[in-house]
Each structure stands twice: as C-alpha cells, then as structure tokens.
C-alpha cells in the first residue's frame, strides 16, 4: 500500500509553530495549490490544503517560510476526527509533512536547491539515485518561471 502526497504551492499565511507538552515542535500551515484546469469562466482555481510538520522540519518551516512563500511538500495524507465543544463530530484531512523544499530564495524569488528533510538535513535536489525519476522539485538550482496571474491569491 502507498500513501504519498507531493504538493507545490504557496503558503496562505505565516506558519503557526507550537510545542507539545513534551516539547516537540509542530508547525501548521496551508498551501494554496493551483488546479491543472480552468473553470467555466477560464480562471484557474486553487485547493487549500492543510499541512502539519513535526520536530526539526517544523522549526525549519517556521524559520524560513512566510505568507506567499512557495514550497514543495512531500508527505502522507492522514485523516482524524474529534468531537467539538457542541458535541458535533469533526473530520480533518491533512498532509503529514515528511520533507519540504523551499522554492524561494530570500529577496531574489529564485528557486532554492536545498531540501529540508524530516531530520532537518540539507540535500541536493538534483542528486543521482533519486527514487522519483520525474521529481518536480529537482530544478537544478534554476529559477522557476511563475507569472503573477498563476498565483492563487
């Protein structure tokens, strides 16, 4: 069985960094991801996908990403449910982030070739032996051309 999610989008607001009672860092953020087709009016729509990262990855996200930052996320989909204060059952679907790639350099808007993995390590995105032959994050350090009209916000 396989549960793998790969997304590229822009953060809709600054990531929210919290800590559990045991001191583990957890960051929550939402990615706006454009759909590959246009609606009846010829406009591109976006999906707003909730993401959660833990430990060092969460700290890296909180330290390096902000509203409008472009990021590549690799993780798995997870669902959970709980009962809210009014007794209603609430269902949540979110991406549990295993690694993130920062696709904007500070101040330049150019692609960044570093990847922040679950252990907080830097990896070259163009390394040989990649298990994803058509890796959408492997930009070899070149800028990604994105027009303002392609942004979902």
C-alpha atoms as a PDB file:
ATOM      1  CA  UNK A   1       0.000   0.000   0.000  1.00  0.00           C
ATOM      2  CA  UNK A   2       1.146   3.511  -0.728  1.00  0.00           C
ATOM      3  CA  UNK A   3       0.197   6.822   0.843  1.00  0.00           C
ATOM      4  CA  UNK A   4       2.343   9.560  -0.731  1.00  0.00           C
ATOM      5  CA  UNK A   5       1.437  13.192  -1.355  1.00  0.00           C
ATOM      6  CA  UNK A   6       3.599  15.645  -3.289  1.00  0.00           C
ATOM      7  CA  UNK A   7       2.460  19.285  -3.490  1.00  0.00           C
ATOM      8  CA  UNK A   8       3.847  22.567  -4.774  1.00  0.00           C
ATOM      9  CA  UNK A   9       2.102  25.752  -3.718  1.00  0.00           C
ATOM     10  CA  UNK A  10       2.245  28.994  -1.796  1.00  0.00           C
ATOM     11  CA  UNK A  11       1.583  29.476   1.905  1.00  0.00           C
ATOM     12  CA  UNK A  12      -1.677  31.319   2.554  1.00  0.00           C
ATOM     13  CA  UNK A  13      -0.395  32.766   5.855  1.00  0.00           C
ATOM     14  CA  UNK A  14       2.641  32.527   8.114  1.00  0.00           C
ATOM     15  CA  UNK A  15       3.160  29.036   9.584  1.00  0.00           C
ATOM     16  CA  UNK A  16       1.939  28.549  13.143  1.00  0.00           C
ATOM     17  CA  UNK A  17       4.615  26.993  15.379  1.00  0.00           C
ATOM     18  CA  UNK A  18       3.562  25.365  18.657  1.00  0.00           C
ATOM     19  CA  UNK A  19       5.112  22.891  21.060  1.00  0.00           C
ATOM     20  CA  UNK A  20       3.549  19.809  22.635  1.00  0.00           C
ATOM     21  CA  UNK A  21       3.625  19.304  26.403  1.00  0.00           C
ATOM     22  CA  UNK A  22       6.699  17.122  25.888  1.00  0.00           C
ATOM     23  CA  UNK A  23       8.425  19.940  23.968  1.00  0.00           C
ATOM     24  CA  UNK A  24       8.074  18.623  20.396  1.00  0.00           C
ATOM     25  CA  UNK A  25       7.770  21.380  17.786  1.00  0.00           C
ATOM     26  CA  UNK A  26       4.753  21.223  15.474  1.00  0.00           C
ATOM     27  CA  UNK A  27       4.042  23.659  12.625  1.00  0.00           C
ATOM     28  CA  UNK A  28       0.708  24.044  10.851  1.00  0.00           C
ATOM     29  CA  UNK A  29       0.254  25.829   7.553  1.00  0.00           C
ATOM     30  CA  UNK A  30      -1.974  25.864   4.486  1.00  0.00           C
ATOM     31  CA  UNK A  31      -0.706  25.538   0.916  1.00  0.00           C
ATOM     32  CA  UNK A  32      -2.649  27.029  -1.982  1.00  0.00           C
ATOM     33  CA  UNK A  33      -2.130  24.627  -4.887  1.00  0.00           C
ATOM     34  CA  UNK A  34      -3.364  25.550  -8.365  1.00  0.00           C
ATOM     35  CA  UNK A  35      -5.539  23.062 -10.193  1.00  0.00           C
ATOM     36  CA  UNK A  36      -4.346  21.934 -13.616  1.00  0.00           C
ATOM     37  CA  UNK A  37      -7.527  23.061 -15.392  1.00  0.00           C
ATOM     38  CA  UNK A  38      -9.594  26.243 -15.651  1.00  0.00           C
ATOM     39  CA  UNK A  39     -13.200  26.687 -14.564  1.00  0.00           C
ATOM     40  CA  UNK A  40     -16.099  27.669 -16.863  1.00  0.00           C
ATOM     41  CA  UNK A  41     -15.018  31.324 -16.674  1.00  0.00           C
ATOM     42  CA  UNK A  42     -11.482  30.465 -17.836  1.00  0.00           C
ATOM     43  CA  UNK A  43     -10.000  31.091 -14.387  1.00  0.00           C
ATOM     44  CA  UNK A  44      -7.544  28.870 -12.561  1.00  0.00           C
ATOM     45  CA  UNK A  45      -8.818  27.686  -9.196  1.00  0.00           C
ATOM     46  CA  UNK A  46      -6.785  26.519  -6.221  1.00  0.00           C
ATOM     47  CA  UNK A  47      -7.162  23.951  -3.488  1.00  0.00           C
ATOM     48  CA  UNK A  48      -6.201  24.993   0.033  1.00  0.00           C
ATOM     49  CA  UNK A  49      -4.502  22.060   1.712  1.00  0.00           C
ATOM     50  CA  UNK A  50      -3.742  21.897   5.430  1.00  0.00           C
ATOM     51  CA  UNK A  51      -0.272  20.613   6.315  1.00  0.00           C
ATOM     52  CA  UNK A  52       1.387  19.641   9.609  1.00  0.00           C
ATOM     53  CA  UNK A  53       5.118  19.181  10.213  1.00  0.00           C
ATOM     54  CA  UNK A  54       6.906  17.939  13.315  1.00  0.00           C
ATOM     55  CA  UNK A  55      10.230  18.402  15.119  1.00  0.00           C
ATOM     56  CA  UNK A  56      13.153  19.921  13.178  1.00  0.00           C
ATOM     57  CA  UNK A  57      11.134  20.115   9.951  1.00  0.00           C
ATOM     58  CA  UNK A  58       8.528  22.202  11.814  1.00  0.00           C
ATOM     59  CA  UNK A  59      11.213  24.549  13.142  1.00  0.00           C
ATOM     60  CA  UNK A  60      12.762  24.943   9.677  1.00  0.00           C
ATOM     61  CA  UNK A  61       9.373  25.764   8.177  1.00  0.00           C
ATOM     62  CA  UNK A  62       8.629  28.342  10.880  1.00  0.00           C
ATOM     63  CA  UNK A  63      12.076  29.923  10.468  1.00  0.00           C
ATOM     64  CA  UNK A  64      12.233  30.057   6.665  1.00  0.00           C
ATOM     65  CA  UNK A  65       8.707  30.271   5.245  1.00  0.00           C
ATOM     66  CA  UNK A  66       6.116  33.014   5.444  1.00  0.00           C
ATOM     67  CA  UNK A  67       2.868  34.003   3.765  1.00  0.00           C
ATOM     68  CA  UNK A  68       3.330  33.844  -0.011  1.00  0.00           C
ATOM     69  CA  UNK A  69       6.432  31.599   0.102  1.00  0.00           C
ATOM     70  CA  UNK A  70       6.497  28.855  -2.496  1.00  0.00           C
ATOM     71  CA  UNK A  71       7.214  25.417  -1.092  1.00  0.00           C
ATOM     72  CA  UNK A  72       7.335  21.821  -2.238  1.00  0.00           C
ATOM     73  CA  UNK A  73       5.945  19.362   0.279  1.00  0.00           C
ATOM     74  CA  UNK A  74       6.382  15.601   0.377  1.00  0.00           C
ATOM     75  CA  UNK A  75       4.356  13.653   2.903  1.00  0.00           C
ATOM     76  CA  UNK A  76       1.364  11.448   3.508  1.00  0.00           C
ATOM     77  CA  UNK A  77      -2.348  12.088   3.811  1.00  0.00           C
ATOM     78  CA  UNK A  78      -3.868  11.491   7.207  1.00  0.00           C
ATOM     79  CA  UNK A  79      -7.436  11.737   8.455  1.00  0.00           C
ATOM     80  CA  UNK A  80      -8.635  12.111  12.014  1.00  0.00           C
ATOM     81  CA  UNK A  81     -11.816  13.098  13.799  1.00  0.00           C
ATOM     82  CA  UNK A  82     -12.823  14.539  17.126  1.00  0.00           C
ATOM     83  CA  UNK A  83     -15.876  15.835  18.944  1.00  0.00           C
ATOM     84  CA  UNK A  84     -16.076  19.629  19.228  1.00  0.00           C
ATOM     85  CA  UNK A  85     -17.456  21.599  22.181  1.00  0.00           C
ATOM     86  CA  UNK A  86     -21.026  21.351  20.864  1.00  0.00           C
ATOM     87  CA  UNK A  87     -20.793  17.548  20.606  1.00  0.00           C
ATOM     88  CA  UNK A  88     -20.545  17.525  16.818  1.00  0.00           C
ATOM     89  CA  UNK A  89     -18.129  15.101  15.119  1.00  0.00           C
ATOM     90  CA  UNK A  90     -15.449  16.999  13.125  1.00  0.00           C
ATOM     91  CA  UNK A  91     -13.419  15.255  10.402  1.00  0.00           C
ATOM     92  CA  UNK A  92      -9.985  16.572   9.418  1.00  0.00           C
ATOM     93  CA  UNK A  93      -7.796  15.605   6.463  1.00  0.00           C
ATOM     94  CA  UNK A  94      -4.259  16.967   6.367  1.00  0.00           C
ATOM     95  CA  UNK A  95      -0.828  16.238   4.950  1.00  0.00           C
ATOM     96  CA  UNK A  96       1.726  14.990   7.462  1.00  0.00           C
ATOM     97  CA  UNK A  97       4.878  16.619   6.072  1.00  0.00           C
ATOM     98  CA  UNK A  98       7.939  14.397   5.852  1.00  0.00           C
ATOM     99  CA  UNK A  99      10.100  16.862   3.914  1.00  0.00           C
ATOM    100  CA  UNK A 100       9.795  20.331   2.481  1.00  0.00           C
ATOM    101  CA  UNK A 101      11.712  22.178  -0.173  1.00  0.00           C
ATOM    102  CA  UNK A 102      11.941  25.957  -0.028  1.00  0.00           C
ATOM    103  CA  UNK A 103      11.427  27.191  -3.581  1.00  0.00           C
ATOM    104  CA  UNK A 104      12.096  30.901  -2.957  1.00  0.00           C
ATOM    105  CA  UNK A 105      15.478  32.402  -2.053  1.00  0.00           C
ATOM    106  CA  UNK A 106      15.309  35.284   0.391  1.00  0.00           C
ATOM    107  CA  UNK A 107      14.996  38.518  -1.536  1.00  0.00           C
ATOM    108  CA  UNK A 108      15.565  37.049  -5.008  1.00  0.00           C
ATOM    109  CA  UNK A 109      12.468  34.989  -5.761  1.00  0.00           C
ATOM    110  CA  UNK A 110      14.708  32.339  -7.324  1.00  0.00           C
ATOM    111  CA  UNK A 111      14.482  28.644  -6.649  1.00  0.00           C
ATOM    112  CA  UNK A 112      16.426  27.193  -3.758  1.00  0.00           C
ATOM    113  CA  UNK A 113      18.166  23.865  -4.301  1.00  0.00           C
ATOM    114  CA  UNK A 114      18.120  22.801  -0.636  1.00  0.00           C
ATOM    115  CA  UNK A 115      15.622  20.350   0.773  1.00  0.00           C
ATOM    116  CA  UNK A 116      14.725  20.217   4.450  1.00  0.00           C
ATOM    117  CA  UNK A 117      14.009  16.601   5.382  1.00  0.00           C
ATOM    118  CA  UNK A 118      12.393  15.165   8.464  1.00  0.00           C
ATOM    119  CA  UNK A 119      15.768  15.105  10.188  1.00  0.00           C
ATOM    120  CA  UNK A 120      16.428  18.729   9.221  1.00  0.00           C
ATOM    121  CA  UNK A 121      19.263  17.798   6.878  1.00  0.00           C
ATOM    122  CA  UNK A 122      20.123  19.621   3.654  1.00  0.00           C
ATOM    123  CA  UNK A 123      20.136  17.561   0.481  1.00  0.00           C
ATOM    124  CA  UNK A 124      20.824  18.483  -3.091  1.00  0.00           C
ATOM    125  CA  UNK A 125      17.568  18.198  -5.028  1.00  0.00           C
ATOM    126  CA  UNK A 126      19.394  17.017  -8.134  1.00  0.00           C
ATOM    127  CA  UNK A 127      21.231  14.077  -6.594  1.00  0.00           C
ATOM    128  CA  UNK A 128      21.690  10.837  -8.506  1.00  0.00           C
ATOM    129  CA  UNK A 129      19.763   7.739  -7.472  1.00  0.00           C
ATOM    130  CA  UNK A 130      16.583   9.696  -6.736  1.00  0.00           C
ATOM    131  CA  UNK A 131      13.638   7.340  -6.252  1.00  0.00           C
ATOM    132  CA  UNK A 132      11.409   9.797  -8.170  1.00  0.00           C
ATOM    133  CA  UNK A 133      12.673   9.940 -11.783  1.00  0.00           C
ATOM    134  CA  UNK A 134      10.338  12.851 -12.640  1.00  0.00           C
ATOM    135  CA  UNK A 135      10.962  14.732  -9.403  1.00  0.00           C
ATOM    136  CA  UNK A 136       9.009  18.024  -9.626  1.00  0.00           C
ATOM    137  CA  UNK A 137      11.354  19.530  -7.024  1.00  0.00           C
ATOM    138  CA  UNK A 138      14.537  18.809  -8.982  1.00  0.00           C
ATOM    139  CA  UNK A 139      15.078  22.223 -10.564  1.00  0.00           C
ATOM    140  CA  UNK A 140      18.887  22.032 -10.557  1.00  0.00           C
ATOM    141  CA  UNK A 141      19.091  25.468  -8.901  1.00  0.00           C
ATOM    142  CA  UNK A 142      17.455  27.259 -11.837  1.00  0.00           C
ATOM    143  CA  UNK A 143      14.710  29.887 -11.358  1.00  0.00           C
ATOM    144  CA  UNK A 144      11.110  28.761 -11.690  1.00  0.00           C
ATOM    145  CA  UNK A 145       9.160  30.968 -14.081  1.00  0.00           C
ATOM    146  CA  UNK A 146       5.826  31.904 -12.496  1.00  0.00           C
ATOM    147  CA  UNK A 147       3.636  34.739 -13.699  1.00  0.00           C
ATOM    148  CA  UNK A 148       1.595  36.829 -11.241  1.00  0.00           C
ATOM    149  CA  UNK A 149      -1.649  35.572 -12.840  1.00  0.00           C
ATOM    150  CA  UNK A 150      -0.608  32.000 -11.947  1.00  0.00           C
ATOM    151  CA  UNK A 151      -0.669  32.772  -8.216  1.00  0.00           C
ATOM    152  CA  UNK A 152      -3.782  31.552  -6.386  1.00  0.00           C
ATOM    153  CA  UNK A 153      -4.071  34.691  -4.230  1.00  0.00           C
END
